[in-house]
Amino acid sequence: MPPNELFLSYSSLDRAFAHSIVNVLQNHLIRVWHSGTNLVGGQQWHDQIGAALQRCDWFAVILSPQTLASIWVKKELVFALDEPRLENKILPLLYQSCDLRRLSWTLSSVHMIDFTGDFHVGCRELLRTWGIGYKQE
C-alpha cells in the first residue's frame, strides 16, 4: 500500500538528486515531506522536522558521502530506525557509494534501492515497493 506521506531525508548537498526523486514520487501521486519545500521562513525548523517524522508513515534516506557528514540526516535516521511503526518502511536510496557503517550499523541489513546506475531503473524499483508501475515522464 502506498504511503500516506513519505519523509525524505538527505544532505542539502544532494538537493538536486532529492528533487528528482520528489518529482517522480509526486508524479505517481505519493505525498513527500522534505526540507527543500516544506520548510518556510520563520518556522522553528527542528519542530517542523520532528512533526513530519511523527506524522509520516514511510521514511526514505538518500545515501551518499555527503549524507555521512550530515548530523541532521543521522538524527532523522536514528529516529526512524527506533520507531516501531516504521519497521519495514525504511527505504535506503543509494545515490553514491559510501560506507554505510559510518551512518548506521543496522542499515546494511535493509534492502537498498540502487540509483548508482540508471535513474529510471532505480525509480522503477522504488515504486515497485508499493506495487506502482513507473511512468517515465
N, C-alpha and C. Protein backbone atom coordinates (compact mmCIF):
# COMPACT_ATOMS: atom_id res chain seq x y z
N MET A 1 0.84 -1.18 0.00
CA MET A 1 0.00 0.00 0.00
C MET A 1 0.89 1.25 0.00
N PRO A 2 0.62 2.22 -0.86
CA PRO A 2 1.44 3.43 -0.91
C PRO A 2 1.37 4.21 0.39
N PRO A 3 2.39 5.00 0.65
CA PRO A 3 2.39 5.79 1.88
C PRO A 3 1.33 6.89 1.85
N ASN A 4 0.85 7.25 3.03
CA ASN A 4 0.05 8.46 3.15
C ASN A 4 0.96 9.66 2.93
N GLU A 5 2.17 9.56 3.51
CA GLU A 5 3.18 10.60 3.33
C GLU A 5 4.55 10.00 3.65
N LEU A 6 5.51 10.25 2.77
CA LEU A 6 6.86 9.74 2.94
C LEU A 6 7.77 10.87 3.38
N PHE A 7 8.60 10.62 4.38
CA PHE A 7 9.61 11.57 4.82
C PHE A 7 10.89 11.27 4.05
N LEU A 8 11.43 12.27 3.36
CA LEU A 8 12.67 12.09 2.60
C LEU A 8 13.80 12.83 3.29
N SER A 9 14.80 12.07 3.73
CA SER A 9 15.96 12.61 4.43
C SER A 9 17.15 12.62 3.47
N TYR A 10 17.88 13.74 3.43
CA TYR A 10 19.03 13.85 2.53
C TYR A 10 19.91 15.01 2.95
N SER A 11 21.15 14.96 2.52
CA SER A 11 22.07 16.08 2.71
C SER A 11 21.69 17.21 1.77
N SER A 12 21.80 18.43 2.23
CA SER A 12 21.50 19.57 1.36
C SER A 12 22.41 19.60 0.13
N LEU A 13 23.56 18.96 0.21
CA LEU A 13 24.47 18.89 -0.93
C LEU A 13 23.96 17.96 -2.03
N ASP A 14 22.96 17.14 -1.70
CA ASP A 14 22.34 16.23 -2.67
C ASP A 14 20.95 16.73 -3.10
N ARG A 15 20.73 18.01 -2.92
CA ARG A 15 19.40 18.60 -3.18
C ARG A 15 18.87 18.33 -4.59
N ALA A 16 19.71 18.45 -5.61
CA ALA A 16 19.24 18.26 -6.99
C ALA A 16 18.72 16.84 -7.20
N PHE A 17 19.46 15.85 -6.71
CA PHE A 17 19.01 14.46 -6.83
C PHE A 17 17.73 14.26 -6.02
N ALA A 18 17.68 14.81 -4.83
CA ALA A 18 16.48 14.69 -3.98
C ALA A 18 15.26 15.24 -4.70
N HIS A 19 15.41 16.38 -5.35
CA HIS A 19 14.28 16.97 -6.06
C HIS A 19 13.84 16.09 -7.23
N SER A 20 14.78 15.40 -7.87
CA SER A 20 14.42 14.46 -8.93
C SER A 20 13.56 13.32 -8.38
N ILE A 21 13.94 12.80 -7.22
CA ILE A 21 13.16 11.73 -6.57
C ILE A 21 11.78 12.25 -6.18
N VAL A 22 11.74 13.44 -5.58
CA VAL A 22 10.46 14.04 -5.17
C VAL A 22 9.54 14.19 -6.38
N ASN A 23 10.07 14.68 -7.49
CA ASN A 23 9.25 14.86 -8.69
C ASN A 23 8.65 13.55 -9.17
N VAL A 24 9.45 12.49 -9.18
CA VAL A 24 8.95 11.18 -9.61
C VAL A 24 7.85 10.71 -8.66
N LEU A 25 8.09 10.80 -7.37
CA LEU A 25 7.09 10.34 -6.40
C LEU A 25 5.80 11.14 -6.53
N GLN A 26 5.91 12.45 -6.62
CA GLN A 26 4.71 13.27 -6.74
C GLN A 26 3.98 13.01 -8.05
N ASN A 27 4.71 12.75 -9.12
CA ASN A 27 4.07 12.40 -10.40
C ASN A 27 3.32 11.08 -10.33
N HIS A 28 3.65 10.27 -9.33
CA HIS A 28 2.96 9.00 -9.10
C HIS A 28 2.03 9.10 -7.89
N LEU A 29 1.67 10.33 -7.55
CA LEU A 29 0.66 10.64 -6.51
C LEU A 29 1.07 10.20 -5.11
N ILE A 30 2.36 10.25 -4.82
CA ILE A 30 2.86 9.95 -3.48
C ILE A 30 3.26 11.27 -2.83
N ARG A 31 2.64 11.55 -1.68
CA ARG A 31 2.98 12.76 -0.93
C ARG A 31 4.33 12.59 -0.27
N VAL A 32 5.16 13.62 -0.38
CA VAL A 32 6.52 13.58 0.16
C VAL A 32 6.74 14.81 1.03
N TRP A 33 7.27 14.58 2.24
CA TRP A 33 7.72 15.70 3.07
C TRP A 33 9.24 15.74 2.96
N HIS A 34 9.76 16.93 2.62
CA HIS A 34 11.21 17.11 2.59
C HIS A 34 11.51 18.57 2.87
N SER A 35 12.67 18.81 3.40
CA SER A 35 13.02 20.15 3.86
C SER A 35 13.12 21.16 2.73
N GLY A 36 13.36 20.71 1.50
CA GLY A 36 13.54 21.63 0.39
C GLY A 36 12.34 22.48 0.07
N THR A 37 11.14 21.96 0.31
CA THR A 37 9.94 22.76 0.02
C THR A 37 8.99 22.87 1.20
N ASN A 38 9.17 22.05 2.21
CA ASN A 38 8.22 22.07 3.31
C ASN A 38 8.61 23.00 4.45
N LEU A 39 9.84 23.47 4.47
CA LEU A 39 10.24 24.43 5.48
C LEU A 39 10.17 25.83 4.88
N VAL A 40 9.58 26.74 5.61
CA VAL A 40 9.47 28.12 5.14
C VAL A 40 10.05 29.06 6.18
N GLY A 41 10.39 30.25 5.74
CA GLY A 41 11.00 31.24 6.63
C GLY A 41 10.17 31.49 7.88
N GLY A 42 10.85 31.67 8.98
CA GLY A 42 10.20 31.99 10.24
C GLY A 42 9.77 30.79 11.05
N GLN A 43 9.80 29.59 10.48
CA GLN A 43 9.40 28.40 11.22
C GLN A 43 10.54 27.91 12.11
N GLN A 44 10.16 27.27 13.19
CA GLN A 44 11.13 26.55 14.01
C GLN A 44 11.39 25.23 13.26
N TRP A 45 12.42 25.22 12.41
CA TRP A 45 12.62 24.10 11.50
C TRP A 45 12.77 22.76 12.20
N HIS A 46 13.42 22.73 13.36
CA HIS A 46 13.58 21.44 14.04
C HIS A 46 12.24 20.92 14.53
N ASP A 47 11.31 21.82 14.91
CA ASP A 47 9.96 21.40 15.30
C ASP A 47 9.20 20.86 14.09
N GLN A 48 9.37 21.49 12.94
CA GLN A 48 8.70 21.04 11.72
C GLN A 48 9.22 19.66 11.29
N ILE A 49 10.52 19.45 11.40
CA ILE A 49 11.09 18.14 11.07
C ILE A 49 10.55 17.09 12.03
N GLY A 50 10.53 17.40 13.32
CA GLY A 50 10.01 16.46 14.31
C GLY A 50 8.55 16.11 14.07
N ALA A 51 7.74 17.11 13.75
CA ALA A 51 6.32 16.86 13.48
C ALA A 51 6.15 15.98 12.24
N ALA A 52 6.95 16.23 11.21
CA ALA A 52 6.87 15.42 9.99
C ALA A 52 7.30 13.98 10.27
N LEU A 53 8.35 13.80 11.06
CA LEU A 53 8.79 12.45 11.41
C LEU A 53 7.70 11.70 12.19
N GLN A 54 6.99 12.39 13.04
CA GLN A 54 5.90 11.78 13.81
C GLN A 54 4.73 11.41 12.91
N ARG A 55 4.49 12.21 11.87
CA ARG A 55 3.30 12.07 11.04
C ARG A 55 3.50 11.07 9.88
N CYS A 56 4.65 11.11 9.25
CA CYS A 56 4.87 10.32 8.04
C CYS A 56 4.88 8.82 8.35
N ASP A 57 4.35 8.04 7.41
CA ASP A 57 4.26 6.60 7.63
C ASP A 57 5.30 5.79 6.85
N TRP A 58 6.15 6.45 6.08
CA TRP A 58 7.30 5.83 5.43
C TRP A 58 8.48 6.79 5.55
N PHE A 59 9.69 6.25 5.50
CA PHE A 59 10.91 7.04 5.63
C PHE A 59 11.89 6.58 4.56
N ALA A 60 12.42 7.52 3.79
CA ALA A 60 13.46 7.22 2.80
C ALA A 60 14.66 8.11 3.07
N VAL A 61 15.84 7.55 2.89
CA VAL A 61 17.06 8.32 3.09
C VAL A 61 17.95 8.16 1.86
N ILE A 62 18.40 9.29 1.33
CA ILE A 62 19.32 9.29 0.19
C ILE A 62 20.73 9.12 0.73
N LEU A 63 21.43 8.10 0.24
CA LEU A 63 22.75 7.75 0.75
C LEU A 63 23.84 8.20 -0.22
N SER A 64 24.82 8.91 0.34
CA SER A 64 25.96 9.41 -0.43
C SER A 64 27.06 9.75 0.57
N PRO A 65 28.27 10.04 0.11
CA PRO A 65 29.31 10.50 1.05
C PRO A 65 28.87 11.77 1.80
N GLN A 66 28.10 12.63 1.15
CA GLN A 66 27.62 13.85 1.80
C GLN A 66 26.66 13.52 2.95
N THR A 67 25.86 12.47 2.78
CA THR A 67 24.93 12.04 3.82
C THR A 67 25.68 11.69 5.10
N LEU A 68 26.82 11.02 4.94
CA LEU A 68 27.59 10.57 6.11
C LEU A 68 28.05 11.75 6.96
N ALA A 69 28.20 12.90 6.36
CA ALA A 69 28.68 14.09 7.08
C ALA A 69 27.55 14.92 7.66
N SER A 70 26.31 14.55 7.40
CA SER A 70 25.17 15.34 7.85
C SER A 70 24.65 14.87 9.20
N ILE A 71 24.79 15.68 10.22
CA ILE A 71 24.31 15.32 11.55
C ILE A 71 22.78 15.22 11.56
N TRP A 72 22.09 16.04 10.76
CA TRP A 72 20.63 16.01 10.75
C TRP A 72 20.09 14.76 10.08
N VAL A 73 20.73 14.31 9.01
CA VAL A 73 20.30 13.05 8.39
C VAL A 73 20.48 11.93 9.40
N LYS A 74 21.59 11.93 10.11
CA LYS A 74 21.83 10.89 11.11
C LYS A 74 20.76 10.91 12.20
N LYS A 75 20.39 12.09 12.69
CA LYS A 75 19.35 12.19 13.71
C LYS A 75 18.01 11.69 13.19
N GLU A 76 17.67 12.06 11.95
CA GLU A 76 16.41 11.61 11.37
C GLU A 76 16.39 10.10 11.20
N LEU A 77 17.51 9.53 10.74
CA LEU A 77 17.60 8.09 10.55
C LEU A 77 17.52 7.35 11.87
N VAL A 78 18.21 7.83 12.89
CA VAL A 78 18.15 7.19 14.20
C VAL A 78 16.70 7.16 14.70
N PHE A 79 15.99 8.27 14.53
CA PHE A 79 14.58 8.31 14.92
C PHE A 79 13.80 7.22 14.17
N ALA A 80 13.97 7.18 12.84
CA ALA A 80 13.21 6.23 12.03
C ALA A 80 13.52 4.78 12.42
N LEU A 81 14.79 4.47 12.63
CA LEU A 81 15.18 3.10 12.99
C LEU A 81 14.64 2.70 14.35
N ASP A 82 14.41 3.67 15.22
CA ASP A 82 13.93 3.41 16.57
C ASP A 82 12.40 3.45 16.68
N GLU A 83 11.73 3.80 15.61
CA GLU A 83 10.28 3.98 15.62
C GLU A 83 9.59 2.69 15.16
N PRO A 84 8.88 1.99 16.07
CA PRO A 84 8.26 0.71 15.71
C PRO A 84 7.31 0.79 14.51
N ARG A 85 6.58 1.88 14.37
CA ARG A 85 5.61 1.97 13.26
C ARG A 85 6.29 2.07 11.90
N LEU A 86 7.60 2.37 11.88
CA LEU A 86 8.35 2.46 10.62
C LEU A 86 9.11 1.17 10.30
N GLU A 87 8.92 0.15 11.13
CA GLU A 87 9.59 -1.11 10.85
C GLU A 87 9.14 -1.62 9.47
N ASN A 88 10.09 -2.01 8.65
CA ASN A 88 9.87 -2.46 7.28
C ASN A 88 9.31 -1.35 6.38
N LYS A 89 9.47 -0.10 6.78
CA LYS A 89 9.02 1.04 5.98
C LYS A 89 10.13 2.08 5.84
N ILE A 90 11.37 1.62 5.92
CA ILE A 90 12.54 2.48 5.74
C ILE A 90 13.21 2.09 4.43
N LEU A 91 13.38 3.09 3.56
CA LEU A 91 13.93 2.85 2.23
C LEU A 91 15.26 3.56 2.04
N PRO A 92 16.37 2.82 2.04
CA PRO A 92 17.66 3.44 1.73
C PRO A 92 17.80 3.57 0.21
N LEU A 93 18.02 4.78 -0.26
CA LEU A 93 18.18 5.07 -1.68
C LEU A 93 19.65 5.36 -1.94
N LEU A 94 20.36 4.42 -2.54
CA LEU A 94 21.80 4.56 -2.75
C LEU A 94 22.06 5.44 -3.97
N TYR A 95 22.45 6.67 -3.73
CA TYR A 95 22.73 7.65 -4.78
C TYR A 95 24.20 7.57 -5.20
N GLN A 96 25.11 7.51 -4.22
CA GLN A 96 26.54 7.38 -4.49
C GLN A 96 27.12 6.42 -3.46
N SER A 97 28.07 5.60 -3.90
CA SER A 97 28.68 4.63 -3.00
C SER A 97 29.26 5.32 -1.77
N CYS A 98 29.05 4.69 -0.62
CA CYS A 98 29.57 5.23 0.64
C CYS A 98 29.62 4.12 1.68
N ASP A 99 30.33 4.36 2.76
CA ASP A 99 30.47 3.39 3.85
C ASP A 99 29.29 3.56 4.81
N LEU A 100 28.25 2.75 4.62
CA LEU A 100 27.02 2.86 5.41
C LEU A 100 27.25 2.70 6.91
N ARG A 101 28.25 1.95 7.27
CA ARG A 101 28.52 1.73 8.69
C ARG A 101 28.81 3.03 9.43
N ARG A 102 29.27 4.04 8.70
CA ARG A 102 29.52 5.34 9.34
C ARG A 102 28.22 6.06 9.68
N LEU A 103 27.13 5.64 9.05
CA LEU A 103 25.83 6.25 9.31
C LEU A 103 25.01 5.41 10.29
N SER A 104 24.98 4.10 10.06
CA SER A 104 24.21 3.21 10.93
C SER A 104 24.72 1.79 10.76
N TRP A 105 24.95 1.11 11.84
CA TRP A 105 25.44 -0.26 11.76
C TRP A 105 24.33 -1.23 11.37
N THR A 106 23.07 -0.81 11.40
CA THR A 106 21.96 -1.71 11.05
C THR A 106 21.41 -1.48 9.64
N LEU A 107 21.73 -0.37 9.03
CA LEU A 107 21.12 -0.02 7.75
C LEU A 107 21.50 -0.99 6.63
N SER A 108 22.66 -1.60 6.72
CA SER A 108 23.09 -2.52 5.66
C SER A 108 22.22 -3.76 5.59
N SER A 109 21.40 -4.01 6.62
CA SER A 109 20.50 -5.18 6.60
C SER A 109 19.19 -4.87 5.89
N VAL A 110 18.98 -3.62 5.50
CA VAL A 110 17.76 -3.22 4.80
C VAL A 110 18.06 -3.19 3.30
N HIS A 111 17.15 -3.71 2.49
CA HIS A 111 17.35 -3.76 1.04
C HIS A 111 17.52 -2.35 0.47
N MET A 112 18.62 -2.13 -0.23
CA MET A 112 18.93 -0.83 -0.85
C MET A 112 18.23 -0.73 -2.20
N ILE A 113 17.79 0.46 -2.51
CA ILE A 113 17.31 0.75 -3.85
C ILE A 113 18.44 1.52 -4.53
N ASP A 114 18.97 0.92 -5.58
CA ASP A 114 20.21 1.40 -6.18
C ASP A 114 19.95 2.41 -7.30
N PHE A 115 20.43 3.62 -7.07
CA PHE A 115 20.35 4.68 -8.07
C PHE A 115 21.73 5.01 -8.64
N THR A 116 22.74 4.16 -8.36
CA THR A 116 24.10 4.45 -8.84
C THR A 116 24.23 4.18 -10.33
N GLY A 117 23.32 3.42 -10.89
CA GLY A 117 23.32 3.15 -12.33
C GLY A 117 22.27 4.02 -13.00
N ASP A 118 21.35 3.38 -13.67
CA ASP A 118 20.30 4.06 -14.41
C ASP A 118 19.23 4.60 -13.45
N PHE A 119 18.96 5.90 -13.53
CA PHE A 119 17.97 6.56 -12.66
C PHE A 119 16.60 5.92 -12.80
N HIS A 120 16.20 5.61 -14.02
CA HIS A 120 14.86 5.08 -14.25
C HIS A 120 14.70 3.66 -13.69
N VAL A 121 15.76 2.87 -13.72
CA VAL A 121 15.72 1.54 -13.11
C VAL A 121 15.51 1.69 -11.60
N GLY A 122 16.21 2.64 -10.98
CA GLY A 122 16.02 2.90 -9.56
C GLY A 122 14.60 3.34 -9.25
N CYS A 123 14.06 4.21 -10.08
CA CYS A 123 12.68 4.68 -9.88
C CYS A 123 11.69 3.53 -9.98
N ARG A 124 11.90 2.67 -10.96
CA ARG A 124 11.02 1.51 -11.14
C ARG A 124 11.05 0.63 -9.89
N GLU A 125 12.25 0.39 -9.35
CA GLU A 125 12.38 -0.45 -8.16
C GLU A 125 11.75 0.23 -6.94
N LEU A 126 11.95 1.53 -6.81
CA LEU A 126 11.36 2.27 -5.69
C LEU A 126 9.83 2.17 -5.72
N LEU A 127 9.23 2.44 -6.83
CA LEU A 127 7.77 2.42 -6.94
C LEU A 127 7.20 1.01 -6.80
N ARG A 128 7.98 0.02 -7.19
CA ARG A 128 7.56 -1.38 -7.04
C ARG A 128 7.35 -1.74 -5.57
N THR A 129 8.00 -1.00 -4.67
CA THR A 129 7.81 -1.21 -3.23
C THR A 129 6.33 -1.19 -2.87
N TRP A 130 5.58 -0.34 -3.56
CA TRP A 130 4.15 -0.17 -3.26
C TRP A 130 3.26 -0.73 -4.37
N GLY A 131 3.83 -1.50 -5.28
CA GLY A 131 3.05 -2.08 -6.37
C GLY A 131 2.60 -1.06 -7.40
N ILE A 132 3.38 0.01 -7.55
CA ILE A 132 3.04 1.07 -8.50
C ILE A 132 3.95 0.94 -9.72
N GLY A 133 3.35 0.96 -10.90
CA GLY A 133 4.12 0.93 -12.14
C GLY A 133 4.75 2.29 -12.41
N TYR A 134 5.96 2.28 -12.89
CA TYR A 134 6.70 3.52 -13.17
C TYR A 134 6.30 4.07 -14.52
N LYS A 135 5.84 5.31 -14.53
CA LYS A 135 5.54 6.03 -15.76
C LYS A 135 6.63 7.07 -15.96
N GLN A 136 7.52 6.81 -16.90
CA GLN A 136 8.63 7.73 -17.15
C GLN A 136 8.10 8.98 -17.85
N GLU A 137 8.43 10.14 -17.30
CA GLU A 137 7.96 11.41 -17.86
C GLU A 137 8.90 11.89 -18.94
